[in-house]
C-alpha cells in the first residue's frame, strides 16, 4: 500500500474533480438534449412539470459526474503507481484465460455485475417511462397524481433491483465466493512468520474500485505514525 504525500493527495484530488466536472458537463448536456427531444416528440412528456424535467437533466448530469470522477481517480492512481499497473496487467491476463473457459451465461452475469450502477440507472429511466405510459391510461387521475404514481413505481422497482444486487453480493461474501474470497496469509504481527491467519479480500470489479479503502488505511497509518512520534518525543523529554 502506497502512502501518499500531501502534494500527491492534492494532485489526485484535482484530477478527480477535473474528471467529475467534465463528466457532469457532458451528462447534463446529454440529459438536456434527451429531455428536449422527448418534449418535442411526446405530448405526454410535455405534460410533465418543468421542475421534474429539470430534475431529470440534473440527475443525469450528477450520475455521469460521479462515474467520471470515480474513473478519473482510478486512472490517476494506476498511472502513478507502477506496482498497481503491473498487478492490473497480470489480472487482465488471468481474466483473459478465465474468460475463454466461461459459458455465455457466466459472461453475462459478470458483465451485469461489473456494470451494475449504469444498468440500475438505465432500469430507473426505463421504469419511469414504462410506469408513466401505464399510469397515463387512467383518465380519472390528474397529471400531478399520475406523475407521483409513476415516480413511486419507478423508485420501487429500482430499489428492489438494488437490494437484489446487494443480496447477491452479500451471499457471495458470506460464502467466500464471487468478488469476495477468504485466503490464508502469514500473520504480519508474528516476528517469527510462522502463524497463519485468514483474511477476507475483495476482488475489484474495475481498477481502483477499492481505492477508498486504501486511502482510509493510509490515513490510519499516518495517524499511528504521528502518535508514535509524539510518544517518542514525550519519552525523550522525560
Protein backbone atom coordinates (compact mmCIF):
# COMPACT_ATOMS: atom_id res chain seq x y z
CA UNK A 1 0.00 0.00 0.00
CA UNK A 2 1.42 3.37 -1.04
CA UNK A 3 1.26 6.23 1.47
CA UNK A 4 0.55 9.46 -0.40
CA UNK A 5 2.26 12.74 0.36
CA UNK A 6 0.29 15.97 0.71
CA UNK A 7 1.29 17.03 -2.82
CA UNK A 8 0.22 13.67 -4.27
CA UNK A 9 -3.12 13.85 -2.46
CA UNK A 10 -3.75 17.34 -3.86
CA UNK A 11 -2.86 16.22 -7.39
CA UNK A 12 -5.10 13.17 -7.02
CA UNK A 13 -7.95 15.32 -5.73
CA UNK A 14 -7.58 17.81 -8.60
CA UNK A 15 -7.59 15.00 -11.17
CA UNK A 16 -10.75 13.56 -9.61
CA UNK A 17 -12.53 16.93 -9.55
CA UNK A 18 -11.49 17.64 -13.14
CA UNK A 19 -12.82 14.29 -14.33
CA UNK A 20 -16.07 14.74 -12.40
CA UNK A 21 -16.56 18.25 -13.75
CA UNK A 22 -16.07 17.16 -17.35
CA UNK A 23 -18.40 14.21 -16.83
CA UNK A 24 -21.00 16.45 -15.19
CA UNK A 25 -20.99 18.88 -18.11
CA UNK A 26 -21.28 16.05 -20.64
CA UNK A 27 -24.00 14.28 -18.64
CA UNK A 28 -26.01 17.48 -18.21
CA UNK A 29 -25.77 18.16 -21.94
CA UNK A 30 -26.95 14.63 -22.73
CA UNK A 31 -29.80 14.90 -20.23
CA UNK A 32 -30.87 18.29 -21.58
CA UNK A 33 -30.79 17.01 -25.16
CA UNK A 34 -32.81 13.94 -24.20
CA UNK A 35 -35.44 15.96 -22.32
CA UNK A 36 -35.68 18.48 -25.15
CA UNK A 37 -36.10 15.75 -27.76
CA UNK A 38 -38.70 13.91 -25.69
CA UNK A 39 -40.61 17.16 -25.06
CA UNK A 40 -40.84 17.81 -28.79
CA UNK A 41 -41.71 14.24 -29.69
CA UNK A 42 -44.16 13.12 -26.98
CA UNK A 43 -47.19 15.05 -25.79
CA UNK A 44 -47.31 13.09 -22.52
CA UNK A 45 -43.73 14.12 -21.76
CA UNK A 46 -44.56 17.77 -22.40
CA UNK A 47 -47.23 17.40 -19.73
CA UNK A 48 -44.55 16.85 -17.09
CA UNK A 49 -43.84 19.79 -14.83
CA UNK A 50 -40.79 21.96 -15.50
CA UNK A 51 -39.22 21.12 -12.09
CA UNK A 52 -39.45 17.42 -12.82
CA UNK A 53 -37.89 17.82 -16.26
CA UNK A 54 -35.12 19.87 -14.65
CA UNK A 55 -34.68 17.04 -12.14
CA UNK A 56 -34.20 14.57 -14.99
CA UNK A 57 -31.50 16.75 -16.52
CA UNK A 58 -29.75 17.33 -13.19
CA UNK A 59 -29.89 13.67 -12.15
CA UNK A 60 -28.33 12.61 -15.46
CA UNK A 61 -25.52 15.12 -15.03
CA UNK A 62 -24.94 14.06 -11.42
CA UNK A 63 -24.85 10.38 -12.28
CA UNK A 64 -22.34 10.84 -15.11
CA UNK A 65 -20.24 13.16 -12.90
CA UNK A 66 -19.97 10.56 -10.14
CA UNK A 67 -18.97 7.81 -12.57
CA UNK A 68 -16.46 10.06 -14.37
CA UNK A 69 -14.88 11.23 -11.10
CA UNK A 70 -14.51 7.65 -9.91
CA UNK A 71 -12.91 6.57 -13.20
CA UNK A 72 -10.59 9.60 -13.21
CA UNK A 73 -9.49 8.85 -9.66
CA UNK A 74 -8.79 5.22 -10.51
CA UNK A 75 -6.91 6.14 -13.70
CA UNK A 76 -4.71 8.65 -11.87
CA UNK A 77 -3.88 6.07 -9.23
CA UNK A 78 -2.93 3.50 -11.87
CA UNK A 79 -0.76 5.91 -13.85
CA UNK A 80 1.21 6.98 -10.76
CA UNK A 81 1.54 3.56 -9.13
CA UNK A 82 3.71 1.23 -11.27
CA UNK A 83 3.14 -1.71 -8.92
CA UNK A 84 -0.61 -1.46 -9.27
CA UNK A 85 -0.31 -1.08 -13.05
CA UNK A 86 1.68 -4.31 -13.28
CA UNK A 87 -0.79 -6.02 -10.97
CA UNK A 88 -3.69 -4.93 -13.18
CA UNK A 89 -1.92 -6.21 -16.28
CA UNK A 90 -1.39 -9.59 -14.62
CA UNK A 91 -5.03 -9.63 -13.54
CA UNK A 92 -6.16 -8.84 -17.07
CA UNK A 93 -4.09 -11.71 -18.43
CA UNK A 94 -5.56 -14.05 -15.84
CA UNK A 95 -9.09 -12.82 -16.64
CA UNK A 96 -8.45 -13.42 -20.35
CA UNK A 97 -7.55 -17.03 -19.61
CA UNK A 98 -10.60 -17.50 -17.41
CA UNK A 99 -12.84 -15.81 -19.99
CA UNK A 100 -12.07 -18.50 -22.54
CA UNK A 101 -13.46 -21.15 -20.16
CA UNK A 102 -16.64 -19.32 -19.15
CA UNK A 103 -20.08 -20.03 -20.51
CA UNK A 104 -22.15 -17.26 -22.14
CA UNK A 105 -24.39 -17.17 -19.05
CA UNK A 106 -21.40 -16.64 -16.74
CA UNK A 107 -20.07 -13.90 -19.01
CA UNK A 108 -23.44 -12.16 -18.99
CA UNK A 109 -23.61 -12.36 -15.19
CA UNK A 110 -20.09 -10.96 -14.79
CA UNK A 111 -20.84 -8.14 -17.24
CA UNK A 112 -24.03 -7.25 -15.37
CA UNK A 113 -22.15 -7.25 -12.06
CA UNK A 114 -19.38 -5.01 -13.36
CA UNK A 115 -21.88 -2.57 -14.87
CA UNK A 116 -24.38 -2.73 -12.03
CA UNK A 117 -24.84 1.01 -11.45
CA UNK A 118 -25.20 2.04 -15.12
CA UNK A 119 -27.73 -0.77 -15.51
CA UNK A 120 -29.64 0.41 -12.43
CA UNK A 121 -29.76 3.94 -13.80
CA UNK A 122 -31.00 2.64 -17.14
CA UNK A 123 -33.53 0.50 -15.32
CA UNK A 124 -34.79 3.56 -13.45
CA UNK A 125 -35.18 5.53 -16.69
CA UNK A 126 -36.98 2.63 -18.37
CA UNK A 127 -39.17 2.09 -15.30
CA UNK A 128 -40.08 5.77 -15.24
CA UNK A 129 -41.06 5.72 -18.91
CA UNK A 130 -42.98 2.45 -18.60
CA UNK A 131 -44.82 3.44 -15.43
CA UNK A 132 -45.76 6.81 -16.91
CA UNK A 133 -47.13 5.08 -20.01
CA UNK A 134 -49.14 2.73 -17.79
CA UNK A 135 -50.45 5.38 -15.39
CA UNK A 136 -51.23 7.83 -18.18
CA UNK A 137 -54.01 5.50 -19.38
CA UNK A 138 -56.07 6.21 -16.25
CA UNK A 139 -58.49 9.03 -17.16
CA UNK A 140 -59.57 9.55 -13.53
CA UNK A 141 -56.22 10.82 -12.28
CA UNK A 142 -54.87 14.33 -12.64
CA UNK A 143 -51.45 14.95 -14.21
CA UNK A 144 -49.84 15.54 -10.82
CA UNK A 145 -51.33 12.31 -9.44
CA UNK A 146 -50.10 10.38 -12.48
CA UNK A 147 -46.62 11.82 -12.05
CA UNK A 148 -46.49 10.89 -8.36
CA UNK A 149 -47.63 7.33 -9.05
CA UNK A 150 -45.18 6.90 -11.94
CA UNK A 151 -42.30 8.05 -9.72
CA UNK A 152 -43.36 5.69 -6.94
CA UNK A 153 -43.49 2.70 -9.28
CA UNK A 154 -40.10 3.55 -10.84
CA UNK A 155 -38.40 4.14 -7.49
CA UNK A 156 -39.90 0.96 -6.04
CA UNK A 157 -38.67 -1.14 -8.95
CA UNK A 158 -35.19 0.40 -8.85
CA UNK A 159 -34.94 -0.09 -5.09
CA UNK A 160 -35.94 -3.74 -5.45
CA UNK A 161 -33.27 -4.26 -8.13
CA UNK A 162 -30.64 -2.51 -5.98
CA UNK A 163 -31.49 -4.59 -2.91
CA UNK A 164 -31.37 -7.72 -5.03
CA UNK A 165 -27.86 -6.92 -6.25
CA UNK A 166 -26.74 -6.21 -2.68
CA UNK A 167 -28.23 -9.51 -1.53
CA UNK A 168 -26.35 -11.44 -4.22
CA UNK A 169 -23.07 -9.78 -3.33
CA UNK A 170 -23.71 -10.32 0.39
CA UNK A 171 -24.35 -14.01 -0.22
CA UNK A 172 -21.09 -14.25 -2.17
CA UNK A 173 -19.23 -12.53 0.66
CA UNK A 174 -20.67 -14.94 3.24
CA UNK A 175 -19.71 -17.96 1.14
CA UNK A 176 -16.28 -16.64 0.19
CA UNK A 177 -17.27 -16.63 -3.49
CA UNK A 178 -17.68 -14.11 -6.23
CA UNK A 179 -15.92 -10.83 -5.55
CA UNK A 180 -15.03 -11.90 -2.02
CA UNK A 181 -12.54 -14.60 -1.15
CA UNK A 182 -11.07 -15.89 2.12
CA UNK A 183 -7.35 -16.62 1.92
CA UNK A 184 -4.65 -17.64 4.38
CA UNK A 185 -1.66 -15.36 4.93
CA UNK A 186 1.29 -15.08 7.31
CA UNK A 187 0.43 -13.01 10.37
CA UNK A 188 2.24 -9.68 9.83
CA UNK A 189 2.45 -9.21 13.62
CA UNK A 190 4.27 -12.52 14.12
CA UNK A 191 8.03 -11.81 14.31
CA UNK A 192 8.83 -15.46 13.52
CA UNK A 193 6.48 -15.53 10.50
CA UNK A 194 5.06 -18.90 11.48
CA UNK A 195 1.49 -18.05 12.46
CA UNK A 196 -1.08 -18.26 9.64
CA UNK A 197 -4.30 -16.25 9.74
CA UNK A 198 -7.33 -15.97 7.47
CA UNK A 199 -8.12 -12.74 5.62
CA UNK A 200 -11.13 -11.85 3.53
CA UNK A 201 -10.18 -9.98 0.36
CA UNK A 202 -12.33 -8.24 -2.23
CA UNK A 203 -11.71 -8.58 -5.97
CA UNK A 204 -12.26 -5.27 -7.72
CA UNK A 205 -14.91 -5.05 -10.44
CA UNK A 206 -12.76 -2.43 -12.13
CA UNK A 207 -9.35 -0.90 -11.49
CA UNK A 208 -9.46 1.42 -8.48
CA UNK A 209 -12.81 0.33 -7.01
CA UNK A 210 -11.23 -0.35 -3.62
CA UNK A 211 -9.17 2.81 -3.67
CA UNK A 212 -11.21 4.41 -0.92
CA UNK A 213 -10.28 1.51 1.38
CA UNK A 214 -6.60 2.06 0.62
CA UNK A 215 -6.92 5.78 1.29
CA UNK A 216 -8.57 5.12 4.67
CA UNK A 217 -5.85 2.61 5.57
CA UNK A 218 -3.16 5.08 4.52
CA UNK A 219 -4.68 7.83 6.69
CA UNK A 220 -4.92 5.44 9.66
CA UNK A 221 -1.27 4.51 9.15
CA UNK A 222 -0.25 8.18 9.14
CA UNK A 223 -2.18 8.77 12.36
CA UNK A 224 -0.44 5.84 14.02
CA UNK A 225 2.95 7.17 12.92
CA UNK A 226 2.16 10.65 14.27
CA UNK A 227 1.05 9.18 17.61
CA UNK A 228 4.18 7.05 17.81
CA UNK A 229 6.36 10.08 17.04
CA UNK A 230 4.59 12.13 19.71
CA UNK A 231 5.13 9.36 22.29
CA UNK A 232 8.82 9.17 21.42
CA UNK A 233 9.18 12.92 21.90
CA UNK A 234 7.48 12.68 25.30
CA UNK A 235 9.84 9.91 26.41
CA UNK A 236 12.87 11.86 25.18
CA UNK A 237 11.68 14.98 27.02
CA UNK A 238 11.45 12.98 30.27
